[in-house]
Amino acid sequence: MSSPLSHIISQLPEHGETIRILYLVDEDFRTLCEDYYTSKMHMEKYKDEMIANRHRELEYRQLTSSLENEIIEYITNRE
């Protein structure tokens, strides 16, 4: 597992030296980097679950839309 510093540098290598300096001397920047790193790690950890949930959400959106259309069609045919 990489550290927050090495991860951020790998994501933004063109700013590597500035990131390294700020990370060492600026507590707010260090906290920002650590929060970013934690967020990225959680995204990776729960990626499969988020994908599954997204697929489920899309399925339910499609089902809801289809059912709504059926309801409208049903009502229209009865009027």
C-alpha atoms as a PDB file:
ATOM      1  CA  MET A   1       0.000   0.000   0.000  1.00  0.00           C
ATOM      2  CA  SER A   2       1.335   3.409  -0.889  1.00  0.00           C
ATOM      3  CA  SER A   3       1.445   6.432   1.377  1.00  0.00           C
ATOM      4  CA  PRO A   4      -0.691   9.528   0.796  1.00  0.00           C
ATOM      5  CA  LEU A   5       2.374  11.431  -0.370  1.00  0.00           C
ATOM      6  CA  SER A   6       3.551   8.849  -2.889  1.00  0.00           C
ATOM      7  CA  HIS A   7       0.010   8.334  -4.156  1.00  0.00           C
ATOM      8  CA  ILE A   8      -0.568  12.053  -4.752  1.00  0.00           C
ATOM      9  CA  ILE A   9       2.789  12.385  -6.498  1.00  0.00           C
ATOM     10  CA  SER A  10       1.978   9.425  -8.722  1.00  0.00           C
ATOM     11  CA  GLN A  11      -1.330  11.107  -9.657  1.00  0.00           C
ATOM     12  CA  LEU A  12       0.273  14.507 -10.312  1.00  0.00           C
ATOM     13  CA  PRO A  13       3.913  13.803 -11.192  1.00  0.00           C
ATOM     14  CA  GLU A  14       4.391  17.165 -12.897  1.00  0.00           C
ATOM     15  CA  HIS A  15       3.890  18.790  -9.461  1.00  0.00           C
ATOM     16  CA  GLY A  16       5.918  16.220  -7.527  1.00  0.00           C
ATOM     17  CA  GLU A  17       8.511  18.514  -5.996  1.00  0.00           C
ATOM     18  CA  THR A  18       5.965  21.136  -4.923  1.00  0.00           C
ATOM     19  CA  ILE A  19       3.715  18.431  -3.463  1.00  0.00           C
ATOM     20  CA  ARG A  20       6.634  16.936  -1.540  1.00  0.00           C
ATOM     21  CA  ILE A  21       7.601  20.319  -0.047  1.00  0.00           C
ATOM     22  CA  LEU A  22       4.050  21.369   0.811  1.00  0.00           C
ATOM     23  CA  TYR A  23       3.314  17.969   2.323  1.00  0.00           C
ATOM     24  CA  LEU A  24       6.303  18.320   4.643  1.00  0.00           C
ATOM     25  CA  VAL A  25       5.770  21.942   5.720  1.00  0.00           C
ATOM     26  CA  ASP A  26       2.036  22.676   5.412  1.00  0.00           C
ATOM     27  CA  GLU A  27      -0.266  20.829   7.810  1.00  0.00           C
ATOM     28  CA  ASP A  28      -3.426  21.921   5.963  1.00  0.00           C
ATOM     29  CA  PHE A  29      -2.040  20.631   2.669  1.00  0.00           C
ATOM     30  CA  ARG A  30      -0.941  17.379   4.328  1.00  0.00           C
ATOM     31  CA  THR A  31      -4.451  16.901   5.754  1.00  0.00           C
ATOM     32  CA  LEU A  32      -5.962  17.616   2.357  1.00  0.00           C
ATOM     33  CA  CYS A  33      -3.687  14.995   0.769  1.00  0.00           C
ATOM     34  CA  GLU A  34      -4.484  12.453   3.475  1.00  0.00           C
ATOM     35  CA  ASP A  35      -8.226  13.032   3.042  1.00  0.00           C
ATOM     36  CA  TYR A  36      -7.853  12.633  -0.720  1.00  0.00           C
ATOM     37  CA  TYR A  37      -5.889   9.434  -0.260  1.00  0.00           C
ATOM     38  CA  THR A  38      -8.466   8.029   2.184  1.00  0.00           C
ATOM     39  CA  SER A  39     -11.259   8.868  -0.231  1.00  0.00           C
ATOM     40  CA  LYS A  40      -9.449   7.169  -3.126  1.00  0.00           C
ATOM     41  CA  MET A  41      -8.779   4.071  -1.034  1.00  0.00           C
ATOM     42  CA  HIS A  42     -12.441   3.834  -0.040  1.00  0.00           C
ATOM     43  CA  MET A  43     -13.489   4.208  -3.658  1.00  0.00           C
ATOM     44  CA  GLU A  44     -11.218   1.333  -4.611  1.00  0.00           C
ATOM     45  CA  LYS A  45     -12.373  -0.792  -1.695  1.00  0.00           C
ATOM     46  CA  TYR A  46     -16.059  -0.317  -2.502  1.00  0.00           C
ATOM     47  CA  LYS A  47     -15.772  -0.044  -6.298  1.00  0.00           C
ATOM     48  CA  ASP A  48     -17.458  -3.375  -7.012  1.00  0.00           C
ATOM     49  CA  GLU A  49     -20.257  -2.576  -4.602  1.00  0.00           C
ATOM     50  CA  MET A  50     -20.762   0.864  -6.143  1.00  0.00           C
ATOM     51  CA  ILE A  51     -20.860  -0.655  -9.626  1.00  0.00           C
ATOM     52  CA  ALA A  52     -23.408  -3.226  -8.496  1.00  0.00           C
ATOM     53  CA  ASN A  53     -25.498  -0.511  -6.863  1.00  0.00           C
ATOM     54  CA  ARG A  54     -25.277   1.634  -9.991  1.00  0.00           C
ATOM     55  CA  HIS A  55     -26.453  -1.268 -12.131  1.00  0.00           C
ATOM     56  CA  ARG A  56     -29.290  -1.919  -9.720  1.00  0.00           C
ATOM     57  CA  GLU A  57     -30.234   1.767  -9.747  1.00  0.00           C
ATOM     58  CA  LEU A  58     -30.317   1.786 -13.558  1.00  0.00           C
ATOM     59  CA  GLU A  59     -32.420  -1.377 -13.614  1.00  0.00           C
ATOM     60  CA  TYR A  60     -34.939   0.155 -11.232  1.00  0.00           C
ATOM     61  CA  ARG A  61     -35.009   3.417 -13.188  1.00  0.00           C
ATOM     62  CA  GLN A  62     -35.768   1.463 -16.367  1.00  0.00           C
ATOM     63  CA  LEU A  63     -38.368  -0.674 -14.632  1.00  0.00           C
ATOM     64  CA  THR A  64     -40.026   2.380 -13.088  1.00  0.00           C
ATOM     65  CA  SER A  65     -40.110   4.154 -16.430  1.00  0.00           C
ATOM     66  CA  SER A  66     -41.536   1.107 -18.143  1.00  0.00           C
ATOM     67  CA  LEU A  67     -44.199   0.676 -15.489  1.00  0.00           C
ATOM     68  CA  GLU A  68     -45.079   4.353 -15.648  1.00  0.00           C
ATOM     69  CA  ASN A  69     -45.534   4.034 -19.398  1.00  0.00           C
ATOM     70  CA  GLU A  70     -47.721   0.976 -18.896  1.00  0.00           C
ATOM     71  CA  ILE A  71     -49.850   2.843 -16.362  1.00  0.00           C
ATOM     72  CA  ILE A  72     -50.265   5.772 -18.749  1.00  0.00           C
ATOM     73  CA  GLU A  73     -51.135   3.406 -21.586  1.00  0.00           C
ATOM     74  CA  TYR A  74     -53.585   1.538 -19.390  1.00  0.00           C
ATOM     75  CA  ILE A  75     -55.299   4.763 -18.327  1.00  0.00           C
ATOM     76  CA  THR A  76     -55.331   6.142 -21.873  1.00  0.00           C
ATOM     77  CA  ASN A  77     -56.991   2.990 -23.200  1.00  0.00           C
ATOM     78  CA  ARG A  78     -59.720   3.255 -20.554  1.00  0.00           C
ATOM     79  CA  GLU A  79     -60.625   6.884 -21.209  1.00  0.00           C
END
